[in-house]
Every structure is written in structure tokens, then in C-alpha cells.
Amino acid sequence: FHRVPSAVDERVTRMKAGESTRMIHEFVQSLTSSIDNLTGIRGSAGYLVIVAVVLLGHRWMNDHPPPAVSAAKEEEKEEPAPPRNFTLKQLAHFDGKKDEKTGEDKPVYLSVNGTVFDVSDGRNFYGPDGPYEAFAGHECGVALAKMSFDTAHLDDLAGCESLNFGEKTELEGWIEKFTYYRSYPIKGRLVPDEKLKPLETRILTKEEIAKHTGESSEEVPEGYATAPIYVAAGDKVFDTSFGGVEFYGAGGGYNRFAGKDVSRALAKMSFDPADIENTSVDDLEDKQKKVLADWIKTFEEKKGYPIVGRLNK
């Protein structure tokens, strides 16, 4: 059995506690007086306490440095590439296979109803030898909506408009899964060839070209991820928003070329404003004309920038 504490016991306990407090107080006063006598400064004990706290804090900070930020974390903080437009041919490059020039694995992109996703994190599914390998580098909205591996349903962006109710629901489910559940990065928009082909034969003036510099204030055409950026070379006008936003868009190294005929500047490899404003190439040397021809070939074949018109010179 436990004995119930009496009132006398409680008074004894309080007396002992009070005695302990008094003894501690007297000890502190005695220690403080001794320190004051040694230093000759009244209240010096308080200063010593502050100094001790500072020293202890300094020691703790040195013994516990902030955690180092890994290179991976630093890379995560990098700004993502600006959204771009894709042609079908450009999209086909990102099939996850080995790059013949670098020997490295290419990213895996695919388009779902025109939205281009980077599904490289799902390489086991969409990359080489994966169950959805056939979808890599293609528009596959219709195929996913119909739950079909028939290649006839690939690259049929227009077909997404003619799906039945159930198929459209399935398609929306895939887009939601890619966007929110898998969180695959969105790289831009696929612009179908049937929308680009009619642009090739247009005759454009310098004033019309100047309206397309990729500025945020400019209109983004329906189905595009970003506003067009026109750059003229020779007699051809290219839309460099198809993969060249980082170079010719705002803040890019070649942004001064946006919306201009830069044939002379490209031929002379020059950023001189006089060469950018002067579009004549009649007085160029043969060597410079060859440089211009190489630039045009790079735009068409290597970069795959679509031709959106001819320059009226």
C-alpha cells in the first residue's frame, strides 16, 4: 500500500525546496562578488556569460557547417529551357536511341494531342526495347486514346479531333497522367506539317518579317508553344522558334538577328549593326558567299527550321 502524503509532508517538501533555492542564490552572489573583486568591474559576471555564449556559438558553427549543396541539386535549380515548337521531323530525332555523333543516349520525347513531353524518366517504357518504344519521337494521341499499337495511328494529330467520347476521355486521362502523376516535363508543342507547308510559298516583305521577333507581347498562333521568330537568309525566311528560342529569342546571343534579313551579317560572321542593317550581298567575296550558303544549309538540314516564306528583295 502507498501512504497518502499529509499536509505536514507537503510543508516539509516546500521548506526543503526553499532552502535549496536560497543556497543557490547565495552561491551565485558569492561567485559574482569574487569575479567583481578580481576584475575590479561591477557586474562583470554578466559580460563573461555573454562572451562565453558567443564563444560556444562560434565553436558550434565551425563544428557544424551548413550542408554542402550537391551538383545534382544545383542542376535542379537551373532554369528550364524555354518552350519551343516542333516539326514532326524534329520530334522524330528524340527517340531515345544512341546518337551517332556523340554515342550518348538521346532524350525520349513524344507528343500527346500536340503537347510534347520529355518522358526520358520513363525510358524503360518508351525507350528502346520498351513496351511503348514505337511511340518515341511521335505524336501518339490517337494511339493512346484507342489503346492501340497500330503505327497507322501515329503522327495523326488531326485525328485527335475526331475521337469518340470514350476515346477523348481516355486521351485526357493520359495527358493528366503525364502532366500531374508522372510529372513529365513539357518541352513545347508539335505543329503539323499541313499547317506549315502552305507558309513556304508566301512572299514576305522586310516589314512583315520584323513583326516576328518572339517577343512576349507578340501573338502566339493557335497550336504553337511560343511566338514565331523569323530570320531571313538568302531569299528564304526561317522560323527559328522551332528549336532556336535560346539563341534567337529574348536574351539569346543571336537575338539581334530576330525579325531581320541577316544574309550579309551571316556571310561576314559579323554582329556589326551596319552589316545587320545592310542586306546587300552583291559585293561579297566568293568565300563569304559560301559561308552564307553553309548557314542556309545548317538552318534547313541540321537545325530543321521550317521555311515560312520567301523574301521579297
C-alpha atoms as a PDB file:
ATOM      1  CA  PHE A   1       0.000   0.000   0.000  1.00  0.00           C
ATOM      2  CA  HIS A   2       1.116   3.593  -0.662  1.00  0.00           C
ATOM      3  CA  ARG A   3       0.970   6.137   2.155  1.00  0.00           C
ATOM      4  CA  VAL A   4      -1.021   9.274   1.259  1.00  0.00           C
ATOM      5  CA  PRO A   5       1.175  12.388   1.769  1.00  0.00           C
ATOM      6  CA  SER A   6      -0.041  14.532   4.667  1.00  0.00           C
ATOM      7  CA  ALA A   7      -0.128  18.329   4.917  1.00  0.00           C
ATOM      8  CA  VAL A   8       2.969  18.131   7.161  1.00  0.00           C
ATOM      9  CA  ASP A   9       4.851  16.262   4.452  1.00  0.00           C
ATOM     10  CA  GLU A  10       3.962  18.939   1.865  1.00  0.00           C
ATOM     11  CA  ARG A  11       5.195  21.729   4.199  1.00  0.00           C
ATOM     12  CA  VAL A  12       8.482  19.897   4.723  1.00  0.00           C
ATOM     13  CA  THR A  13       8.933  19.500   0.953  1.00  0.00           C
ATOM     14  CA  ARG A  14       8.327  23.217   0.368  1.00  0.00           C
ATOM     15  CA  MET A  15      10.796  24.130   3.101  1.00  0.00           C
ATOM     16  CA  LYS A  16      13.486  21.930   1.551  1.00  0.00           C
ATOM     17  CA  ALA A  17      12.891  23.464  -1.887  1.00  0.00           C
ATOM     18  CA  GLY A  18      13.081  26.967  -0.470  1.00  0.00           C
ATOM     19  CA  GLU A  19      16.325  26.147   1.350  1.00  0.00           C
ATOM     20  CA  SER A  20      17.866  24.828  -1.895  1.00  0.00           C
ATOM     21  CA  THR A  21      16.852  27.965  -3.808  1.00  0.00           C
ATOM     22  CA  ARG A  22      18.333  30.188  -1.068  1.00  0.00           C
ATOM     23  CA  MET A  23      21.619  28.274  -1.131  1.00  0.00           C
ATOM     24  CA  ILE A  24      21.886  28.552  -4.938  1.00  0.00           C
ATOM     25  CA  HIS A  25      21.156  32.298  -4.772  1.00  0.00           C
ATOM     26  CA  GLU A  26      23.834  32.801  -2.098  1.00  0.00           C
ATOM     27  CA  PHE A  27      26.344  30.803  -4.202  1.00  0.00           C
ATOM     28  CA  VAL A  28      25.705  32.927  -7.282  1.00  0.00           C
ATOM     29  CA  GLN A  29      26.040  36.146  -5.256  1.00  0.00           C
ATOM     30  CA  SER A  30      29.307  34.910  -3.754  1.00  0.00           C
ATOM     31  CA  LEU A  31      30.669  33.927  -7.197  1.00  0.00           C
ATOM     32  CA  THR A  32      29.640  37.260  -8.678  1.00  0.00           C
ATOM     33  CA  SER A  33      31.334  39.195  -5.869  1.00  0.00           C
ATOM     34  CA  SER A  34      34.513  37.178  -6.310  1.00  0.00           C
ATOM     35  CA  ILE A  35      34.591  37.894 -10.073  1.00  0.00           C
ATOM     36  CA  ASP A  36      33.940  41.608  -9.457  1.00  0.00           C
ATOM     37  CA  ASN A  37      36.800  41.700  -6.934  1.00  0.00           C
ATOM     38  CA  LEU A  38      39.158  40.012  -9.416  1.00  0.00           C
ATOM     39  CA  THR A  39      38.263  42.241 -12.365  1.00  0.00           C
ATOM     40  CA  GLY A  40      37.581  45.435 -10.474  1.00  0.00           C
ATOM     41  CA  ILE A  41      34.431  45.895 -12.561  1.00  0.00           C
ATOM     42  CA  ARG A  42      30.976  45.742 -11.056  1.00  0.00           C
ATOM     43  CA  GLY A  43      28.625  43.366 -12.946  1.00  0.00           C
ATOM     44  CA  SER A  44      31.479  41.749 -14.876  1.00  0.00           C
ATOM     45  CA  ALA A  45      29.956  38.295 -14.439  1.00  0.00           C
ATOM     46  CA  GLY A  46      27.197  39.186 -16.910  1.00  0.00           C
ATOM     47  CA  TYR A  47      29.762  40.181 -19.523  1.00  0.00           C
ATOM     48  CA  LEU A  48      31.648  36.948 -19.026  1.00  0.00           C
ATOM     49  CA  VAL A  49      28.451  34.974 -19.551  1.00  0.00           C
ATOM     50  CA  ILE A  50      27.839  36.827 -22.834  1.00  0.00           C
ATOM     51  CA  VAL A  51      31.405  36.177 -24.025  1.00  0.00           C
ATOM     52  CA  ALA A  52      31.069  32.504 -23.143  1.00  0.00           C
ATOM     53  CA  VAL A  53      27.845  32.204 -25.110  1.00  0.00           C
ATOM     54  CA  VAL A  54      29.455  33.875 -28.140  1.00  0.00           C
ATOM     55  CA  LEU A  55      32.476  31.568 -28.000  1.00  0.00           C
ATOM     56  CA  LEU A  56      30.317  28.491 -27.639  1.00  0.00           C
ATOM     57  CA  GLY A  57      28.167  29.615 -30.578  1.00  0.00           C
ATOM     58  CA  HIS A  58      31.236  30.232 -32.740  1.00  0.00           C
ATOM     59  CA  ARG A  59      32.600  26.794 -31.844  1.00  0.00           C
ATOM     60  CA  TRP A  60      29.277  25.122 -32.673  1.00  0.00           C
ATOM     61  CA  MET A  61      29.048  26.872 -36.053  1.00  0.00           C
ATOM     62  CA  ASN A  62      32.548  25.744 -37.005  1.00  0.00           C
ATOM     63  CA  ASP A  63      31.870  22.183 -35.919  1.00  0.00           C
ATOM     64  CA  HIS A  64      28.519  22.119 -37.783  1.00  0.00           C
ATOM     65  CA  PRO A  65      28.988  23.783 -41.205  1.00  0.00           C
ATOM     66  CA  PRO A  66      25.952  24.139 -43.443  1.00  0.00           C
ATOM     67  CA  PRO A  67      25.328  21.069 -45.604  1.00  0.00           C
ATOM     68  CA  ALA A  68      27.032  21.244 -48.967  1.00  0.00           C
ATOM     69  CA  VAL A  69      24.723  21.543 -51.960  1.00  0.00           C
ATOM     70  CA  SER A  70      25.332  18.661 -54.343  1.00  0.00           C
ATOM     71  CA  ALA A  71      25.906  19.183 -58.046  1.00  0.00           C
ATOM     72  CA  ALA A  72      22.633  17.416 -58.683  1.00  0.00           C
ATOM     73  CA  LYS A  73      20.769  19.944 -56.537  1.00  0.00           C
ATOM     74  CA  GLU A  74      22.487  22.796 -58.336  1.00  0.00           C
ATOM     75  CA  GLU A  75      21.386  21.374 -61.660  1.00  0.00           C
ATOM     76  CA  GLU A  76      17.819  21.144 -60.386  1.00  0.00           C
ATOM     77  CA  LYS A  77      17.882  24.890 -59.775  1.00  0.00           C
ATOM     78  CA  GLU A  78      18.825  25.662 -63.377  1.00  0.00           C
ATOM     79  CA  GLU A  79      16.200  27.405 -65.416  1.00  0.00           C
ATOM     80  CA  PRO A  80      14.375  25.025 -67.747  1.00  0.00           C
ATOM     81  CA  ALA A  81      14.721  25.591 -71.482  1.00  0.00           C
ATOM     82  CA  PRO A  82      12.042  27.934 -72.848  1.00  0.00           C
ATOM     83  CA  PRO A  83       9.120  26.245 -74.621  1.00  0.00           C
ATOM     84  CA  ARG A  84       9.693  25.618 -78.310  1.00  0.00           C
ATOM     85  CA  ASN A  85       7.812  24.497 -81.371  1.00  0.00           C
ATOM     86  CA  PHE A  86       8.464  21.137 -83.048  1.00  0.00           C
ATOM     87  CA  THR A  87       8.056  19.832 -86.563  1.00  0.00           C
ATOM     88  CA  LEU A  88       7.344  16.116 -87.000  1.00  0.00           C
ATOM     89  CA  LYS A  89      10.868  15.629 -88.349  1.00  0.00           C
ATOM     90  CA  GLN A  90      12.423  17.381 -85.356  1.00  0.00           C
ATOM     91  CA  LEU A  91      10.343  15.343 -82.903  1.00  0.00           C
ATOM     92  CA  ALA A  92      11.417  12.091 -84.588  1.00  0.00           C
ATOM     93  CA  HIS A  93      15.010  12.793 -83.552  1.00  0.00           C
ATOM     94  CA  PHE A  94      14.170  12.292 -79.866  1.00  0.00           C
ATOM     95  CA  ASP A  95      13.654   8.533 -79.940  1.00  0.00           C
ATOM     96  CA  GLY A  96      15.973   7.592 -77.077  1.00  0.00           C
ATOM     97  CA  LYS A  97      18.416   5.725 -79.303  1.00  0.00           C
ATOM     98  CA  LYS A  98      22.171   6.225 -79.441  1.00  0.00           C
ATOM     99  CA  ASP A  99      23.227   9.468 -81.045  1.00  0.00           C
ATOM    100  CA  GLU A 100      25.519   8.525 -83.937  1.00  0.00           C
ATOM    101  CA  LYS A 101      27.671  11.631 -83.419  1.00  0.00           C
ATOM    102  CA  THR A 102      28.064  11.637 -79.637  1.00  0.00           C
ATOM    103  CA  GLY A 103      27.465   7.988 -78.813  1.00  0.00           C
ATOM    104  CA  GLU A 104      25.154   9.045 -75.978  1.00  0.00           C
ATOM    105  CA  ASP A 105      21.513   8.137 -75.462  1.00  0.00           C
ATOM    106  CA  LYS A 106      19.170  10.745 -76.900  1.00  0.00           C
ATOM    107  CA  PRO A 107      16.247  12.033 -74.792  1.00  0.00           C
ATOM    108  CA  VAL A 108      12.868  10.389 -75.260  1.00  0.00           C
ATOM    109  CA  TYR A 109      10.121  12.781 -76.354  1.00  0.00           C
ATOM    110  CA  LEU A 110       6.607  12.051 -77.501  1.00  0.00           C
ATOM    111  CA  SER A 111       3.592  14.181 -78.320  1.00  0.00           C
ATOM    112  CA  VAL A 112       0.093  13.686 -76.943  1.00  0.00           C
ATOM    113  CA  ASN A 113      -2.500  15.740 -78.804  1.00  0.00           C
ATOM    114  CA  GLY A 114       0.210  18.238 -79.726  1.00  0.00           C
ATOM    115  CA  THR A 115       1.822  18.611 -76.300  1.00  0.00           C
ATOM    116  CA  VAL A 116       5.417  17.377 -76.371  1.00  0.00           C
ATOM    117  CA  PHE A 117       6.554  15.617 -73.195  1.00  0.00           C
ATOM    118  CA  ASP A 118      10.063  14.593 -72.171  1.00  0.00           C
ATOM    119  CA  VAL A 119       9.455  11.020 -70.997  1.00  0.00           C
ATOM    120  CA  SER A 120      13.135  10.182 -70.533  1.00  0.00           C
ATOM    121  CA  ASP A 121      12.419   9.242 -66.902  1.00  0.00           C
ATOM    122  CA  GLY A 122      10.186   6.521 -68.329  1.00  0.00           C
ATOM    123  CA  ARG A 123      12.865   5.237 -70.708  1.00  0.00           C
ATOM    124  CA  ASN A 124      12.137   1.627 -69.655  1.00  0.00           C
ATOM    125  CA  PHE A 125       8.652   2.051 -71.122  1.00  0.00           C
ATOM    126  CA  TYR A 126       9.151   4.453 -74.034  1.00  0.00           C
ATOM    127  CA  GLY A 127      12.822   3.975 -74.901  1.00  0.00           C
ATOM    128  CA  PRO A 128      14.477   1.265 -76.993  1.00  0.00           C
ATOM    129  CA  ASP A 129      13.168  -2.237 -76.187  1.00  0.00           C
ATOM    130  CA  GLY A 130      10.401  -0.793 -74.012  1.00  0.00           C
ATOM    131  CA  PRO A 131       6.760  -1.847 -74.495  1.00  0.00           C
ATOM    132  CA  TYR A 132       5.860   1.628 -75.850  1.00  0.00           C
ATOM    133  CA  GLU A 133       9.044   2.040 -77.918  1.00  0.00           C
ATOM    134  CA  ALA A 134       7.044   2.693 -81.101  1.00  0.00           C
ATOM    135  CA  PHE A 135       5.648   5.907 -79.572  1.00  0.00           C
ATOM    136  CA  ALA A 136       9.051   7.565 -79.003  1.00  0.00           C
ATOM    137  CA  GLY A 137       9.557  10.568 -81.281  1.00  0.00           C
ATOM    138  CA  HIS A 138       5.957  10.535 -82.496  1.00  0.00           C
ATOM    139  CA  GLU A 139       2.545  12.095 -81.954  1.00  0.00           C
ATOM    140  CA  CYS A 140       0.660   9.241 -80.278  1.00  0.00           C
ATOM    141  CA  GLY A 141      -2.569  10.800 -79.002  1.00  0.00           C
ATOM    142  CA  VAL A 142      -4.847   8.706 -81.219  1.00  0.00           C
ATOM    143  CA  ALA A 143      -2.931   5.501 -80.456  1.00  0.00           C
ATOM    144  CA  LEU A 144      -3.185   6.073 -76.699  1.00  0.00           C
ATOM    145  CA  ALA A 145      -6.846   7.018 -76.912  1.00  0.00           C
ATOM    146  CA  LYS A 146      -7.631   3.838 -78.842  1.00  0.00           C
ATOM    147  CA  MET A 147      -5.176   1.795 -76.728  1.00  0.00           C
ATOM    148  CA  SER A 148      -3.624   0.632 -79.977  1.00  0.00           C
ATOM    149  CA  PHE A 149      -0.089  -0.174 -81.097  1.00  0.00           C
ATOM    150  CA  ASP A 150      -1.039   0.141 -84.749  1.00  0.00           C
ATOM    151  CA  THR A 151       1.553   2.512 -86.266  1.00  0.00           C
ATOM    152  CA  ALA A 152      -1.169   3.829 -88.581  1.00  0.00           C
ATOM    153  CA  HIS A 153      -2.444   5.810 -85.596  1.00  0.00           C
ATOM    154  CA  LEU A 154       0.899   7.578 -85.025  1.00  0.00           C
ATOM    155  CA  ASP A 155       1.569  11.182 -86.124  1.00  0.00           C
ATOM    156  CA  ASP A 156      -2.162  11.742 -86.635  1.00  0.00           C
ATOM    157  CA  LEU A 157      -2.637  14.978 -84.727  1.00  0.00           C
ATOM    158  CA  ALA A 158      -5.778  15.871 -86.656  1.00  0.00           C
ATOM    159  CA  GLY A 159      -7.266  12.517 -85.654  1.00  0.00           C
ATOM    160  CA  CYS A 160      -7.473  13.657 -82.038  1.00  0.00           C
ATOM    161  CA  GLU A 161     -10.360  15.895 -83.074  1.00  0.00           C
ATOM    162  CA  SER A 162     -12.463  13.038 -84.472  1.00  0.00           C
ATOM    163  CA  LEU A 163     -12.253  10.663 -81.494  1.00  0.00           C
ATOM    164  CA  ASN A 164     -15.493   9.468 -79.921  1.00  0.00           C
ATOM    165  CA  PHE A 165     -16.476  10.438 -76.380  1.00  0.00           C
ATOM    166  CA  GLY A 166     -14.881   7.421 -74.709  1.00  0.00           C
ATOM    167  CA  GLU A 167     -11.643   7.807 -76.660  1.00  0.00           C
ATOM    168  CA  LYS A 168     -11.414  11.509 -75.829  1.00  0.00           C
ATOM    169  CA  THR A 169     -11.879  10.655 -72.148  1.00  0.00           C
ATOM    170  CA  GLU A 170      -9.064   8.103 -72.417  1.00  0.00           C
ATOM    171  CA  LEU A 171      -6.851  10.679 -74.148  1.00  0.00           C
ATOM    172  CA  GLU A 172      -7.493  13.275 -71.428  1.00  0.00           C
ATOM    173  CA  GLY A 173      -6.603  10.657 -68.854  1.00  0.00           C
ATOM    174  CA  TRP A 174      -3.224  10.070 -70.471  1.00  0.00           C
ATOM    175  CA  ILE A 175      -2.494  13.794 -70.630  1.00  0.00           C
ATOM    176  CA  GLU A 176      -3.434  14.165 -66.960  1.00  0.00           C
ATOM    177  CA  LYS A 177      -1.245  11.188 -66.056  1.00  0.00           C
ATOM    178  CA  PHE A 178       1.759  12.557 -67.952  1.00  0.00           C
ATOM    179  CA  THR A 179       1.308  16.088 -66.584  1.00  0.00           C
ATOM    180  CA  TYR A 180       0.409  15.539 -62.929  1.00  0.00           C
ATOM    181  CA  TYR A 181       1.027  11.914 -61.964  1.00  0.00           C
ATOM    182  CA  ARG A 182       4.287  11.287 -63.813  1.00  0.00           C
ATOM    183  CA  SER A 183       5.213  14.992 -63.933  1.00  0.00           C
ATOM    184  CA  TYR A 184       6.971  14.619 -67.265  1.00  0.00           C
ATOM    185  CA  PRO A 185       8.422  17.997 -68.355  1.00  0.00           C
ATOM    186  CA  ILE A 186       6.554  19.719 -71.172  1.00  0.00           C
ATOM    187  CA  LYS A 187       9.012  20.781 -73.878  1.00  0.00           C
ATOM    188  CA  GLY A 188       6.661  22.550 -76.268  1.00  0.00           C
ATOM    189  CA  ARG A 189       4.084  21.952 -78.986  1.00  0.00           C
ATOM    190  CA  LEU A 190       4.027  19.916 -82.176  1.00  0.00           C
ATOM    191  CA  VAL A 191       2.981  21.919 -85.243  1.00  0.00           C
ATOM    192  CA  PRO A 192       1.781  19.567 -88.003  1.00  0.00           C
ATOM    193  CA  ASP A 193       3.228  19.701 -91.500  1.00  0.00           C
ATOM    194  CA  GLU A 194      -0.159  20.534 -93.021  1.00  0.00           C
ATOM    195  CA  LYS A 195      -0.105  23.811 -91.104  1.00  0.00           C
ATOM    196  CA  LEU A 196       3.472  24.678 -92.092  1.00  0.00           C
ATOM    197  CA  LYS A 197       3.502  23.601 -95.739  1.00  0.00           C
ATOM    198  CA  PRO A 198       1.293  26.445 -97.063  1.00  0.00           C
ATOM    199  CA  LEU A 199       3.616  29.022 -95.469  1.00  0.00           C
ATOM    200  CA  GLU A 200       6.585  28.088 -97.660  1.00  0.00           C
ATOM    201  CA  THR A 201       5.311  29.859-100.783  1.00  0.00           C
ATOM    202  CA  ARG A 202       4.434  33.176 -99.139  1.00  0.00           C
ATOM    203  CA  ILE A 203       6.267  36.281-100.298  1.00  0.00           C
ATOM    204  CA  LEU A 204       7.222  38.366 -97.268  1.00  0.00           C
ATOM    205  CA  THR A 205       8.493  41.933 -97.005  1.00  0.00           C
ATOM    206  CA  LYS A 206      11.072  43.129 -94.517  1.00  0.00           C
ATOM    207  CA  GLU A 207       8.300  44.917 -92.636  1.00  0.00           C
ATOM    208  CA  GLU A 208       6.343  41.674 -92.274  1.00  0.00           C
ATOM    209  CA  ILE A 209       9.406  39.771 -91.081  1.00  0.00           C
ATOM    210  CA  ALA A 210      10.105  42.455 -88.484  1.00  0.00           C
ATOM    211  CA  LYS A 211       6.770  41.666 -86.784  1.00  0.00           C
ATOM    212  CA  HIS A 212       8.017  38.233 -85.722  1.00  0.00           C
ATOM    213  CA  THR A 213      10.803  38.528 -83.154  1.00  0.00           C
ATOM    214  CA  GLY A 214       9.439  36.186 -80.496  1.00  0.00           C
ATOM    215  CA  GLU A 215       8.727  38.965 -78.010  1.00  0.00           C
ATOM    216  CA  SER A 216       6.263  38.090 -75.243  1.00  0.00           C
ATOM    217  CA  SER A 217       3.918  40.822 -76.495  1.00  0.00           C
ATOM    218  CA  GLU A 218       3.527  39.098 -79.874  1.00  0.00           C
ATOM    219  CA  GLU A 219       0.633  36.803 -80.663  1.00  0.00           C
ATOM    220  CA  VAL A 220       1.205  33.063 -80.319  1.00  0.00           C
ATOM    221  CA  PRO A 221      -0.591  31.239 -83.154  1.00  0.00           C
ATOM    222  CA  GLU A 222      -3.066  28.522 -82.198  1.00  0.00           C
ATOM    223  CA  GLY A 223      -1.264  25.226 -81.641  1.00  0.00           C
ATOM    224  CA  TYR A 224       2.136  26.873 -81.111  1.00  0.00           C
ATOM    225  CA  ALA A 225       4.070  26.867 -77.831  1.00  0.00           C
ATOM    226  CA  THR A 226       5.730  30.219 -78.457  1.00  0.00           C
ATOM    227  CA  ALA A 227       5.569  33.116 -80.891  1.00  0.00           C
ATOM    228  CA  PRO A 228       7.421  32.700 -84.223  1.00  0.00           C
ATOM    229  CA  ILE A 229      10.921  34.120 -84.627  1.00  0.00           C
ATOM    230  CA  TYR A 230      11.651  34.911 -88.258  1.00  0.00           C
ATOM    231  CA  VAL A 231      15.201  35.096 -89.562  1.00  0.00           C
ATOM    232  CA  ALA A 232      15.883  35.625 -93.283  1.00  0.00           C
ATOM    233  CA  ALA A 233      18.968  34.262 -95.035  1.00  0.00           C
ATOM    234  CA  GLY A 234      19.411  34.415 -98.784  1.00  0.00           C
ATOM    235  CA  ASP A 235      15.905  34.506-100.209  1.00  0.00           C
ATOM    236  CA  LYS A 236      14.436  32.194 -97.526  1.00  0.00           C
ATOM    237  CA  VAL A 237      12.673  33.073 -94.285  1.00  0.00           C
ATOM    238  CA  PHE A 238      13.093  30.585 -91.438  1.00  0.00           C
ATOM    239  CA  ASP A 239      11.103  30.266 -88.218  1.00  0.00           C
ATOM    240  CA  THR A 240      13.770  29.715 -85.569  1.00  0.00           C
ATOM    241  CA  SER A 241      11.213  29.248 -82.777  1.00  0.00           C
ATOM    242  CA  PHE A 242      11.418  25.577 -83.828  1.00  0.00           C
ATOM    243  CA  GLY A 243      14.431  24.802 -81.658  1.00  0.00           C
ATOM    244  CA  GLY A 244      16.292  28.113 -81.690  1.00  0.00           C
ATOM    245  CA  VAL A 245      14.466  30.097 -78.995  1.00  0.00           C
ATOM    246  CA  GLU A 246      17.512  30.044 -76.709  1.00  0.00           C
ATOM    247  CA  PHE A 247      19.637  31.576 -79.474  1.00  0.00           C
ATOM    248  CA  TYR A 248      17.307  33.942 -81.304  1.00  0.00           C
ATOM    249  CA  GLY A 249      14.747  34.657 -78.585  1.00  0.00           C
ATOM    250  CA  ALA A 250      14.926  37.268 -75.840  1.00  0.00           C
ATOM    251  CA  GLY A 251      18.306  37.158 -74.101  1.00  0.00           C
ATOM    252  CA  GLY A 252      19.840  34.879 -76.732  1.00  0.00           C
ATOM    253  CA  GLY A 253      23.213  35.535 -78.316  1.00  0.00           C
ATOM    254  CA  TYR A 254      21.655  35.963 -81.768  1.00  0.00           C
ATOM    255  CA  ASN A 255      18.562  37.856 -80.637  1.00  0.00           C
ATOM    256  CA  ARG A 256      19.702  40.900 -82.637  1.00  0.00           C
ATOM    257  CA  PHE A 257      19.048  38.821 -85.795  1.00  0.00           C
ATOM    258  CA  ALA A 258      15.381  38.180 -84.922  1.00  0.00           C
ATOM    259  CA  GLY A 259      12.939  39.714 -87.404  1.00  0.00           C
ATOM    260  CA  LYS A 260      15.667  40.688 -89.869  1.00  0.00           C
ATOM    261  CA  ASP A 261      17.317  39.702 -93.126  1.00  0.00           C
ATOM    262  CA  VAL A 262      20.797  38.894 -91.853  1.00  0.00           C
ATOM    263  CA  SER A 263      22.303  37.478 -95.033  1.00  0.00           C
ATOM    264  CA  ARG A 264      25.233  39.899 -95.017  1.00  0.00           C
ATOM    265  CA  ALA A 265      25.890  39.539 -91.289  1.00  0.00           C
ATOM    266  CA  LEU A 266      25.925  35.729 -91.532  1.00  0.00           C
ATOM    267  CA  ALA A 267      28.193  35.768 -94.572  1.00  0.00           C
ATOM    268  CA  LYS A 268      30.687  38.024 -92.801  1.00  0.00           C
ATOM    269  CA  MET A 269      30.195  36.320 -89.398  1.00  0.00           C
ATOM    270  CA  SER A 270      29.519  39.805 -88.055  1.00  0.00           C
ATOM    271  CA  PHE A 271      27.459  41.396 -85.291  1.00  0.00           C
ATOM    272  CA  ASP A 272      28.259  44.867 -86.598  1.00  0.00           C
ATOM    273  CA  PRO A 273      24.956  46.821 -86.726  1.00  0.00           C
ATOM    274  CA  ALA A 274      25.990  48.156 -90.138  1.00  0.00           C
ATOM    275  CA  ASP A 275      26.152  44.598 -91.518  1.00  0.00           C
ATOM    276  CA  ILE A 276      22.822  43.698 -89.914  1.00  0.00           C
ATOM    277  CA  GLU A 277      21.036  46.708 -91.372  1.00  0.00           C
ATOM    278  CA  ASN A 278      22.691  46.434 -94.804  1.00  0.00           C
ATOM    279  CA  THR A 279      21.085  43.436 -96.524  1.00  0.00           C
ATOM    280  CA  SER A 280      23.036  43.633 -99.799  1.00  0.00           C
ATOM    281  CA  VAL A 281      25.256  40.660-100.662  1.00  0.00           C
ATOM    282  CA  ASP A 282      26.276  41.775-104.154  1.00  0.00           C
ATOM    283  CA  ASP A 283      29.726  42.947-103.097  1.00  0.00           C
ATOM    284  CA  LEU A 284      30.604  39.890-101.004  1.00  0.00           C
ATOM    285  CA  GLU A 285      33.623  37.754-101.810  1.00  0.00           C
ATOM    286  CA  ASP A 286      33.111  34.178-103.015  1.00  0.00           C
ATOM    287  CA  LYS A 287      34.391  32.877 -99.699  1.00  0.00           C
ATOM    288  CA  GLN A 288      31.787  34.927 -97.816  1.00  0.00           C
ATOM    289  CA  LYS A 289      29.016  33.774-100.138  1.00  0.00           C
ATOM    290  CA  LYS A 290      29.997  30.186 -99.384  1.00  0.00           C
ATOM    291  CA  VAL A 291      29.745  30.916 -95.653  1.00  0.00           C
ATOM    292  CA  LEU A 292      26.212  32.223 -96.220  1.00  0.00           C
ATOM    293  CA  ALA A 293      25.321  29.090 -98.191  1.00  0.00           C
ATOM    294  CA  ASP A 294      26.625  26.951 -95.317  1.00  0.00           C
ATOM    295  CA  TRP A 295      24.425  28.847 -92.847  1.00  0.00           C
ATOM    296  CA  ILE A 296      21.363  28.302 -95.018  1.00  0.00           C
ATOM    297  CA  LYS A 297      22.164  24.595 -95.285  1.00  0.00           C
ATOM    298  CA  THR A 298      22.561  24.398 -91.496  1.00  0.00           C
ATOM    299  CA  PHE A 299      19.204  26.084 -90.937  1.00  0.00           C
ATOM    300  CA  GLU A 300      17.450  23.712 -93.345  1.00  0.00           C
ATOM    301  CA  GLU A 301      19.159  20.371 -92.747  1.00  0.00           C
ATOM    302  CA  LYS A 302      20.885  20.364 -89.363  1.00  0.00           C
ATOM    303  CA  LYS A 303      18.509  22.566 -87.403  1.00  0.00           C
ATOM    304  CA  GLY A 304      15.411  21.730 -89.392  1.00  0.00           C
ATOM    305  CA  TYR A 305      13.964  25.223 -89.092  1.00  0.00           C
ATOM    306  CA  PRO A 306      10.840  25.334 -91.282  1.00  0.00           C
ATOM    307  CA  ILE A 307      10.770  27.720 -94.230  1.00  0.00           C
ATOM    308  CA  VAL A 308       7.836  30.076 -93.734  1.00  0.00           C
ATOM    309  CA  GLY A 309       8.190  32.251 -96.800  1.00  0.00           C
ATOM    310  CA  ARG A 310      10.395  33.846 -99.396  1.00  0.00           C
ATOM    311  CA  LEU A 311      11.934  37.258 -99.025  1.00  0.00           C
ATOM    312  CA  ASN A 312      10.767  39.933-101.416  1.00  0.00           C
ATOM    313  CA  LYS A 313      14.035  41.685-102.249  1.00  0.00           C
END
